[in-house]
Amino acid sequence: MIKLHTLASLLAVAILSTGCSKAEDPNPPAGPKVSPTASPTPAPSAANVKLGENFFPIWPWTYPEKSRFGDRYAEIYGLIAAGGCNVVKAPVSDLDACQAAGLKVLVADPRVWRGDLKTVTEKQAEKDFLSLLRDINNHPAVVGFFVGDEPTTETFRGLEIIYRLIEKHAPGKVGLLGLFPCIADPLSQLKADDYETYVREFLKTCRPRIFGYDHYDLTQSKRYPSDTYWQNLETFRKISAEQKIPFFVWVGCGAFGEQREQSAADMRFEVFSVLAYGAKGIGYFTFLSVQVGEHRAEPIDGFGKPSPFFYEVQHLNKRLQLLGPELLPLRCDAVYHYTTFGVPAGSRTLAEGDLLKSIKVNKKEYRLLIGEFTHRDTGARYLMIVNCDLDHTVTVTPELVKPARDIYYFEPYLGKYIDFAAYNGIAPGDGRLIKVIPK
């Protein structure tokens, strides 16, 4: 049970996230022009959560092990939730603590997150999985199972067994893992001819409901990511659109090795760059610091306390909680770079889109990323414009192929679409989801 003083401290964190209210102005200024079609997206009930389909997941890689934090583990789950995450991988023993914190759970258990995928039999795997389900006992916090990380093709047969057991005995739940990034060596790591073959073989064999990968490329030695960062996104966007399976991306959240300690602009860039490619979920590596090694600058440090960076990521996640549901029904049609620094190898140019004709930018040098989207139900068109410059704000004026009556952007602080023309500056690394209202 979470102690009263702990609940008080978590309440303080939540209050900090929203800021202090001021006395009401007797003569408030006129508000921004609001889209008449703006409406909140209802959250699905716990029993009907489908990650990447009707629920936008935001989750940390690490969970608070009891062996590390003792009886403070429940407090730290509360801190993870206060930081803006809504899903966590956790063992069966922690399900009640996660539910109390308001977190959905991907169960992490050796009966599904196995080390014997090359040799496991279907009979043994089913026996173990049914044992796990008895322990879970239909717990309402469970939305799926964490089944592995960076598998080789040699383990796909074992993973196929696990995925089929989830479909058979826990229908509606997901199996989730992260694939290797495209910089992995095909021979020694992927065990495949090339990266696209590796990804396609995983989908063909395991048929997951959601799939994803990690690629951390903001380093100490270079300001901007390599071309491979964008190539990885191109591969996943293309395959996700073809197969109609949502994808997610693990992004860096804390430093390790040559990875740099992220700024607020870095974090915005990591999140919005993948959203522009159509990602339907965000994972953070690690968010909560691991116990050993040279990991550093995570939002929750190795003592299980919020670091100064906590509030930057919390702010981003609070925005993402409102923006994410708006992105779920959008199909990513095209993504391209509009920049004076040269289009990354393997990426697209503005000429390949059909919604945007050009952009007027208030800088001589700029790095913009644009995603074009269509609403799967209404056919409405959207743009995601990302300012990939990590140092300078830009002001942008889109020129559409077909003139529009209005263009609105989704303002997460308000939870509404408001007039973009009046608020067309984009902060370093930030992105804007824009809705096009035709004439």
Protein backbone atom coordinates (compact mmCIF):
# COMPACT_ATOMS: atom_id res chain seq x y z
CA MET A 1 0.00 0.00 0.00
CA ILE A 2 1.32 3.49 -0.83
CA LYS A 3 1.87 5.48 2.36
CA LEU A 4 0.08 8.77 2.96
CA HIS A 5 3.27 10.82 2.86
CA THR A 6 4.10 9.18 -0.47
CA LEU A 7 0.71 10.05 -1.90
CA ALA A 8 1.23 13.62 -0.76
CA SER A 9 4.57 13.81 -2.53
CA LEU A 10 3.07 12.42 -5.75
CA LEU A 11 0.25 14.94 -5.52
CA ALA A 12 2.87 17.67 -5.26
CA VAL A 13 4.52 16.36 -8.42
CA ALA A 14 1.18 16.42 -10.23
CA ILE A 15 0.52 19.98 -9.09
CA LEU A 16 3.95 21.04 -10.34
CA SER A 17 3.08 19.59 -13.74
CA THR A 18 0.05 21.79 -14.18
CA GLY A 19 1.41 25.04 -12.75
CA CYS A 20 -0.24 27.49 -10.36
CA SER A 21 -3.51 29.13 -11.33
CA LYS A 22 -3.75 32.92 -11.31
CA ALA A 23 -6.64 35.04 -10.19
CA GLU A 24 -9.25 35.22 -12.92
CA ASP A 25 -8.83 38.24 -15.20
CA PRO A 26 -12.06 40.30 -15.21
CA ASN A 27 -11.26 41.35 -18.80
CA PRO A 28 -9.65 38.33 -20.42
CA PRO A 29 -8.25 38.71 -23.94
CA ALA A 30 -10.12 37.19 -26.84
CA GLY A 31 -9.24 33.52 -27.17
CA PRO A 32 -7.70 31.90 -30.22
CA LYS A 33 -9.84 30.90 -33.16
CA VAL A 34 -10.97 27.32 -32.44
CA SER A 35 -11.90 24.67 -34.98
CA PRO A 36 -15.64 23.93 -34.90
CA THR A 37 -14.80 20.25 -35.33
CA ALA A 38 -12.54 20.03 -32.29
CA SER A 39 -13.64 17.37 -29.80
CA PRO A 40 -11.91 15.30 -27.15
CA THR A 41 -11.04 11.71 -27.99
CA PRO A 42 -12.59 9.34 -25.43
CA ALA A 43 -10.23 6.87 -23.75
CA PRO A 44 -11.03 3.16 -24.17
CA SER A 45 -12.03 1.10 -21.16
CA ALA A 46 -9.25 -0.98 -19.62
CA ALA A 47 -10.67 -4.21 -21.03
CA ASN A 48 -10.63 -2.84 -24.59
CA VAL A 49 -7.18 -1.24 -24.73
CA LYS A 50 -5.30 -1.99 -27.96
CA LEU A 51 -1.86 -0.44 -28.01
CA GLY A 52 -1.27 1.68 -31.10
CA GLU A 53 -4.88 1.32 -32.24
CA ASN A 54 -7.15 2.97 -29.67
CA PHE A 55 -4.56 3.75 -26.97
CA PHE A 56 -1.31 5.70 -27.46
CA PRO A 57 1.32 4.05 -25.22
CA ILE A 58 4.12 5.96 -23.51
CA TRP A 59 6.37 3.72 -21.46
CA PRO A 60 9.80 3.43 -19.82
CA TRP A 61 12.24 0.60 -20.46
CA THR A 62 13.09 0.04 -16.79
CA TYR A 63 10.76 -0.85 -13.94
CA PRO A 64 11.53 -0.49 -10.20
CA GLU A 65 12.71 -3.93 -9.05
CA LYS A 66 11.99 -4.78 -5.41
CA SER A 67 15.52 -6.14 -5.06
CA ARG A 68 16.76 -2.64 -5.80
CA PHE A 69 14.23 -0.31 -4.22
CA GLY A 70 12.65 -2.48 -1.53
CA ASP A 71 9.26 -1.26 -0.30
CA ARG A 72 9.66 1.99 -2.26
CA TYR A 73 8.84 0.20 -5.53
CA ALA A 74 5.15 1.26 -5.46
CA GLU A 75 6.15 4.87 -4.86
CA ILE A 76 8.38 4.78 -7.95
CA TYR A 77 5.59 3.37 -10.12
CA GLY A 78 3.63 6.42 -9.00
CA LEU A 79 6.53 8.64 -10.03
CA ILE A 80 6.66 6.97 -13.46
CA ALA A 81 2.97 7.76 -13.92
CA ALA A 82 3.45 11.33 -12.65
CA GLY A 83 6.18 11.67 -15.29
CA GLY A 84 3.57 11.12 -17.99
CA CYS A 85 3.99 7.42 -18.80
CA ASN A 86 0.82 5.33 -19.09
CA VAL A 87 2.20 1.81 -19.65
CA VAL A 88 5.00 -0.10 -17.95
CA LYS A 89 6.49 -3.57 -18.22
CA ALA A 90 6.34 -5.22 -14.80
CA PRO A 91 6.26 -8.62 -13.09
CA VAL A 92 3.04 -10.26 -11.90
CA SER A 93 3.80 -9.36 -8.29
CA ASP A 94 3.59 -5.63 -9.12
CA LEU A 95 0.23 -5.57 -10.90
CA ASP A 96 -1.71 -4.05 -8.00
CA ALA A 97 0.90 -1.32 -7.50
CA CYS A 98 0.80 -0.47 -11.20
CA GLN A 99 -2.99 -0.32 -11.23
CA ALA A 100 -2.96 1.94 -8.16
CA ALA A 101 -0.60 4.29 -10.03
CA GLY A 102 -2.89 4.30 -13.09
CA LEU A 103 -0.48 2.35 -15.31
CA LYS A 104 -1.33 -0.33 -17.87
CA VAL A 105 1.01 -3.33 -17.76
CA LEU A 106 3.00 -5.41 -20.23
CA VAL A 107 3.75 -8.46 -18.10
CA ALA A 108 7.47 -9.25 -17.96
CA ASP A 109 7.88 -12.88 -16.93
CA PRO A 110 10.32 -15.66 -17.96
CA ARG A 111 7.33 -17.76 -19.02
CA VAL A 112 6.93 -15.40 -22.02
CA TRP A 113 10.17 -13.39 -22.01
CA ARG A 114 12.12 -16.59 -22.53
CA GLY A 115 15.78 -17.37 -22.93
CA ASP A 116 15.22 -20.68 -24.75
CA LEU A 117 13.43 -19.50 -27.89
CA LYS A 118 15.66 -21.61 -30.14
CA THR A 119 14.68 -24.86 -28.41
CA VAL A 120 11.33 -24.38 -26.65
CA THR A 121 8.51 -26.71 -27.67
CA GLU A 122 4.93 -25.63 -28.14
CA LYS A 123 3.81 -28.04 -25.42
CA GLN A 124 6.19 -26.58 -22.84
CA ALA A 125 5.47 -23.00 -23.88
CA GLU A 126 1.71 -23.54 -23.55
CA LYS A 127 2.08 -25.14 -20.14
CA ASP A 128 4.14 -22.18 -18.94
CA PHE A 129 1.83 -19.59 -20.46
CA LEU A 130 -1.29 -21.10 -18.89
CA SER A 131 0.52 -21.09 -15.56
CA LEU A 132 1.25 -17.39 -16.04
CA LEU A 133 -2.38 -16.64 -16.90
CA ARG A 134 -3.51 -18.35 -13.69
CA ASP A 135 -1.17 -16.10 -11.72
CA ILE A 136 -2.42 -12.98 -13.51
CA ASN A 137 -6.02 -14.03 -12.84
CA ASN A 138 -7.55 -11.63 -15.39
CA HIS A 139 -5.97 -8.61 -13.70
CA PRO A 140 -7.52 -5.44 -15.19
CA ALA A 141 -4.17 -3.63 -15.52
CA VAL A 142 -2.77 -6.15 -18.01
CA VAL A 143 -2.85 -5.11 -21.68
CA GLY A 144 -0.18 -7.47 -22.98
CA PHE A 145 3.14 -9.22 -22.53
CA PHE A 146 6.72 -8.15 -23.01
CA VAL A 147 8.22 -10.99 -25.05
CA GLY A 148 11.78 -9.92 -25.82
CA ASP A 149 14.26 -7.43 -27.15
CA GLU A 150 16.36 -7.31 -30.33
CA PRO A 151 15.74 -10.92 -31.44
CA THR A 152 17.65 -12.62 -34.25
CA THR A 153 15.87 -14.55 -36.99
CA GLU A 154 17.04 -17.72 -35.25
CA THR A 155 14.58 -17.00 -32.42
CA PHE A 156 11.58 -16.18 -34.61
CA ARG A 157 10.27 -19.77 -34.49
CA GLY A 158 10.11 -19.66 -30.69
CA LEU A 159 8.58 -16.19 -30.75
CA GLU A 160 5.93 -17.41 -33.18
CA ILE A 161 4.86 -19.97 -30.57
CA ILE A 162 4.56 -17.25 -27.91
CA TYR A 163 2.58 -14.90 -30.16
CA ARG A 164 0.16 -17.67 -31.16
CA LEU A 165 -0.39 -18.62 -27.51
CA ILE A 166 -1.24 -15.01 -26.69
CA GLU A 167 -3.78 -14.94 -29.53
CA LYS A 168 -5.26 -18.27 -28.42
CA HIS A 169 -5.44 -17.84 -24.65
CA ALA A 170 -5.36 -14.05 -24.12
CA PRO A 171 -7.24 -12.62 -27.12
CA GLY A 172 -7.07 -8.85 -27.31
CA LYS A 173 -3.74 -8.67 -25.49
CA VAL A 174 -0.53 -7.83 -27.33
CA GLY A 175 2.90 -9.36 -27.43
CA LEU A 176 5.48 -6.60 -27.62
CA LEU A 177 9.19 -6.48 -28.36
CA GLY A 178 11.70 -4.17 -29.99
CA LEU A 179 13.62 -5.21 -33.10
CA PHE A 180 17.23 -4.32 -33.84
CA PRO A 181 17.94 -0.96 -35.52
CA CYS A 182 19.11 -0.86 -39.12
CA ILE A 183 22.73 -0.31 -38.04
CA ALA A 184 22.89 -3.87 -36.66
CA ASP A 185 25.20 -6.24 -38.53
CA PRO A 186 23.14 -8.59 -40.78
CA LEU A 187 25.50 -11.54 -40.35
CA SER A 188 26.34 -11.50 -36.65
CA GLN A 189 23.23 -9.83 -35.17
CA LEU A 190 20.22 -10.07 -37.47
CA LYS A 191 21.09 -13.45 -39.00
CA ALA A 192 19.43 -12.17 -42.18
CA ASP A 193 20.52 -11.04 -45.64
CA ASP A 194 19.57 -7.42 -44.98
CA TYR A 195 17.56 -5.26 -42.61
CA GLU A 196 14.28 -5.08 -44.53
CA THR A 197 14.29 -8.86 -44.93
CA TYR A 198 14.79 -9.17 -41.15
CA VAL A 199 11.80 -6.92 -40.35
CA ARG A 200 9.52 -8.55 -42.92
CA GLU A 201 10.44 -12.05 -41.77
CA PHE A 202 9.53 -11.14 -38.19
CA LEU A 203 6.10 -9.86 -39.26
CA LYS A 204 5.46 -12.83 -41.54
CA THR A 205 6.41 -15.35 -38.84
CA CYS A 206 5.00 -13.77 -35.67
CA ARG A 207 2.13 -11.62 -37.00
CA PRO A 208 2.19 -9.15 -34.07
CA ARG A 209 -0.48 -6.54 -33.40
CA ILE A 210 2.21 -3.84 -32.96
CA PHE A 211 5.93 -3.82 -33.72
CA GLY A 212 8.85 -1.48 -33.12
CA TYR A 213 12.57 -0.89 -32.74
CA ASP A 214 15.18 1.31 -31.07
CA HIS A 215 17.73 3.59 -32.71
CA TYR A 216 19.65 6.08 -30.54
CA ASP A 217 21.65 8.52 -32.63
CA LEU A 218 22.09 11.77 -30.74
CA THR A 219 25.72 11.46 -29.72
CA GLN A 220 28.48 13.53 -28.18
CA SER A 221 30.39 13.72 -31.46
CA LYS A 222 27.67 15.05 -33.76
CA ARG A 223 24.83 17.54 -33.41
CA TYR A 224 22.33 15.82 -35.71
CA PRO A 225 21.59 12.15 -36.40
CA SER A 226 23.08 10.11 -39.23
CA ASP A 227 21.23 9.21 -42.41
CA THR A 228 20.60 5.74 -40.94
CA TYR A 229 18.30 7.28 -38.34
CA TRP A 230 15.97 8.43 -41.12
CA GLN A 231 16.42 5.24 -43.15
CA ASN A 232 15.17 3.21 -40.19
CA LEU A 233 12.05 5.36 -39.99
CA GLU A 234 11.50 5.07 -43.75
CA THR A 235 11.62 1.28 -43.52
CA PHE A 236 9.14 1.06 -40.68
CA ARG A 237 6.76 3.64 -42.14
CA LYS A 238 6.68 1.79 -45.46
CA ILE A 239 6.17 -1.68 -43.99
CA SER A 240 3.66 -0.47 -41.40
CA ALA A 241 1.56 1.16 -44.15
CA GLU A 242 1.73 -1.94 -46.35
CA GLN A 243 0.80 -4.41 -43.61
CA LYS A 244 -1.52 -2.09 -41.66
CA ILE A 245 0.26 -2.84 -38.39
CA PRO A 246 1.04 0.11 -36.08
CA PHE A 247 4.64 0.66 -35.07
CA PHE A 248 6.38 2.31 -32.12
CA VAL A 249 9.93 3.53 -31.50
CA TRP A 250 12.13 3.42 -28.43
CA VAL A 251 13.86 6.82 -28.16
CA GLY A 252 16.75 7.80 -25.92
CA CYS A 253 15.82 9.22 -22.52
CA GLY A 254 19.02 9.46 -20.53
CA ALA A 255 22.60 9.01 -21.64
CA PHE A 256 24.91 6.02 -21.90
CA GLY A 257 28.15 5.36 -23.74
CA GLU A 258 28.65 8.00 -26.43
CA GLN A 259 25.00 9.06 -26.26
CA ARG A 260 24.77 12.66 -25.11
CA GLU A 261 22.73 13.94 -22.21
CA GLN A 262 19.58 15.19 -23.92
CA SER A 263 18.34 18.74 -23.81
CA ALA A 264 14.64 19.58 -23.89
CA ALA A 265 15.02 20.28 -27.62
CA ASP A 266 16.68 16.86 -28.12
CA MET A 267 13.74 15.13 -26.45
CA ARG A 268 11.18 17.02 -28.52
CA PHE A 269 13.11 16.16 -31.68
CA GLU A 270 13.30 12.45 -30.83
CA VAL A 271 9.55 12.25 -30.17
CA PHE A 272 8.24 14.45 -32.98
CA SER A 273 10.57 13.07 -35.65
CA VAL A 274 9.11 9.59 -35.19
CA LEU A 275 5.54 10.89 -34.90
CA ALA A 276 5.92 12.57 -38.29
CA TYR A 277 6.64 9.12 -39.75
CA GLY A 278 3.42 7.74 -38.29
CA ALA A 279 4.58 6.06 -35.05
CA LYS A 280 1.69 5.10 -32.75
CA GLY A 281 3.63 4.79 -29.50
CA ILE A 282 6.76 6.02 -27.72
CA GLY A 283 9.10 3.96 -25.55
CA TYR A 284 11.85 5.57 -23.46
CA PHE A 285 15.26 4.05 -22.87
CA THR A 286 15.65 4.13 -19.98
CA PHE A 287 13.56 6.85 -18.21
CA LEU A 288 14.28 5.18 -14.84
CA SER A 289 18.04 4.76 -14.45
CA VAL A 290 19.49 1.27 -14.43
CA GLN A 291 21.39 0.25 -11.31
CA VAL A 292 24.91 -0.17 -12.66
CA GLY A 293 27.19 1.27 -15.34
CA GLU A 294 27.52 4.80 -16.65
CA HIS A 295 23.87 5.51 -17.37
CA ARG A 296 23.08 9.09 -16.42
CA ALA A 297 20.70 12.03 -16.77
CA GLU A 298 17.48 9.98 -16.73
CA PRO A 299 14.24 11.63 -15.53
CA ILE A 300 14.25 9.26 -12.53
CA ASP A 301 17.75 8.74 -11.16
CA GLY A 302 19.43 5.68 -9.67
CA PHE A 303 18.09 6.59 -6.22
CA GLY A 304 14.53 6.49 -7.50
CA LYS A 305 14.13 10.27 -7.25
CA PRO A 306 13.12 12.81 -9.92
CA SER A 307 16.14 14.46 -11.51
CA PRO A 308 16.04 18.07 -12.80
CA PHE A 309 15.34 16.53 -16.24
CA PHE A 310 12.17 14.86 -14.91
CA TYR A 311 10.10 18.01 -15.36
CA GLU A 312 11.18 18.53 -18.97
CA VAL A 313 10.11 15.01 -19.93
CA GLN A 314 6.96 15.23 -17.82
CA HIS A 315 5.98 18.36 -19.70
CA LEU A 316 6.56 16.64 -23.06
CA ASN A 317 4.59 13.57 -21.99
CA LYS A 318 1.63 15.59 -20.74
CA ARG A 319 1.42 17.10 -24.21
CA LEU A 320 1.85 13.68 -25.79
CA GLN A 321 -0.99 12.19 -23.72
CA LEU A 322 -3.37 14.65 -25.41
CA LEU A 323 -1.78 14.62 -28.86
CA GLY A 324 -1.36 10.84 -29.12
CA PRO A 325 -5.06 9.99 -29.44
CA GLU A 326 -5.36 12.52 -32.26
CA LEU A 327 -2.63 10.65 -34.16
CA LEU A 328 -4.05 7.13 -33.76
CA PRO A 329 -6.65 7.33 -36.57
CA LEU A 330 -4.28 9.04 -39.01
CA ARG A 331 -2.67 7.15 -41.90
CA CYS A 332 0.78 8.44 -42.79
CA ASP A 333 0.77 9.01 -46.58
CA ALA A 334 4.21 10.51 -47.12
CA VAL A 335 7.14 12.01 -45.21
CA TYR A 336 9.72 14.35 -46.62
CA HIS A 337 12.51 16.72 -45.66
CA TYR A 338 12.43 20.43 -46.48
CA THR A 339 15.88 21.72 -45.62
CA THR A 340 18.78 23.84 -46.79
CA PHE A 341 21.23 21.21 -45.48
CA GLY A 342 20.51 18.47 -48.02
CA VAL A 343 17.97 15.65 -47.88
CA PRO A 344 19.31 12.60 -46.00
CA ALA A 345 20.21 9.61 -48.17
CA GLY A 346 17.17 7.41 -48.76
CA SER A 347 14.69 10.11 -47.67
CA ARG A 348 12.08 11.93 -49.72
CA THR A 349 11.68 15.47 -50.97
CA LEU A 350 8.69 17.81 -50.96
CA ALA A 351 7.86 16.92 -54.59
CA GLU A 352 6.68 13.47 -53.46
CA GLY A 353 3.77 14.79 -51.37
CA ASP A 354 0.33 15.79 -52.67
CA LEU A 355 -0.91 18.13 -49.93
CA LEU A 356 1.85 20.69 -49.43
CA LYS A 357 3.21 22.80 -52.30
CA SER A 358 5.87 24.78 -50.42
CA ILE A 359 6.66 26.40 -47.07
CA LYS A 360 7.68 29.98 -46.41
CA VAL A 361 10.30 30.01 -43.65
CA ASN A 362 11.62 33.05 -41.80
CA LYS A 363 15.23 31.70 -41.75
CA LYS A 364 17.84 31.43 -44.48
CA GLU A 365 18.84 28.03 -43.12
CA TYR A 366 16.33 25.53 -41.78
CA ARG A 367 15.69 21.84 -41.14
CA LEU A 368 12.03 20.90 -41.49
CA LEU A 369 10.41 17.47 -41.56
CA ILE A 370 6.86 17.12 -42.89
CA GLY A 371 4.46 14.22 -42.63
CA GLU A 372 1.22 14.11 -44.63
CA PHE A 373 -1.71 12.19 -43.14
CA THR A 374 -5.29 11.17 -43.92
CA HIS A 375 -7.92 10.36 -41.30
CA ARG A 376 -8.94 6.73 -41.79
CA ASP A 377 -12.64 7.42 -41.12
CA THR A 378 -13.35 10.96 -42.32
CA GLY A 379 -10.75 11.40 -45.05
CA ALA A 380 -9.67 14.72 -43.51
CA ARG A 381 -6.08 15.75 -44.31
CA TYR A 382 -3.37 16.63 -41.81
CA LEU A 383 0.25 17.79 -41.74
CA MET A 384 2.88 17.24 -39.08
CA ILE A 385 5.58 19.91 -39.38
CA VAL A 386 8.69 19.34 -37.24
CA ASN A 387 11.42 21.91 -36.67
CA CYS A 388 14.50 19.67 -36.66
CA ASP A 389 16.78 22.59 -35.84
CA LEU A 390 17.83 22.05 -32.22
CA ASP A 391 18.85 25.65 -31.57
CA HIS A 392 16.48 28.04 -33.34
CA THR A 393 12.74 28.65 -33.46
CA VAL A 394 11.29 28.96 -36.95
CA THR A 395 8.13 30.60 -38.24
CA VAL A 396 6.49 28.72 -41.11
CA THR A 397 3.68 29.50 -43.54
CA PRO A 398 2.49 26.43 -45.50
CA GLU A 399 1.32 26.85 -49.09
CA LEU A 400 -1.05 24.02 -49.98
CA VAL A 401 -1.54 22.41 -53.38
CA LYS A 402 -5.25 23.20 -53.07
CA PRO A 403 -6.17 26.39 -51.19
CA ALA A 404 -7.86 25.71 -47.86
CA ARG A 405 -10.56 27.62 -46.02
CA ASP A 406 -8.64 27.29 -42.74
CA ILE A 407 -5.73 25.45 -41.22
CA TYR A 408 -5.72 24.64 -37.52
CA TYR A 409 -3.13 23.04 -35.29
CA PHE A 410 -3.74 20.86 -32.27
CA GLU A 411 -2.73 22.77 -29.14
CA PRO A 412 -2.12 20.21 -26.39
CA TYR A 413 -2.33 22.82 -23.62
CA LEU A 414 -5.94 23.45 -24.64
CA GLY A 415 -6.79 20.03 -26.09
CA LYS A 416 -8.25 21.79 -29.14
CA TYR A 417 -7.45 22.73 -32.72
CA ILE A 418 -6.80 26.46 -32.99
CA ASP A 419 -5.85 28.86 -35.79
CA PHE A 420 -2.34 28.04 -37.03
CA ALA A 421 -1.76 31.31 -38.89
CA ALA A 422 -1.78 33.24 -35.61
CA TYR A 423 0.58 30.79 -33.84
CA ASN A 424 2.95 29.58 -36.55
CA GLY A 425 6.24 29.61 -34.68
CA ILE A 426 7.75 26.20 -33.91
CA ALA A 427 10.30 25.80 -31.10
CA PRO A 428 13.59 23.88 -31.57
CA GLY A 429 12.87 20.17 -32.03
CA ASP A 430 9.12 20.70 -31.69
CA GLY A 431 6.30 19.65 -33.99
CA ARG A 432 2.80 20.79 -34.90
CA LEU A 433 -0.11 18.63 -36.00
CA ILE A 434 -2.09 20.71 -38.50
CA LYS A 435 -5.59 20.00 -39.75
CA VAL A 436 -6.57 21.27 -43.20
CA ILE A 437 -10.15 22.53 -43.61
CA PRO A 438 -10.96 22.54 -47.36
CA LYS A 439 -12.93 25.30 -49.06
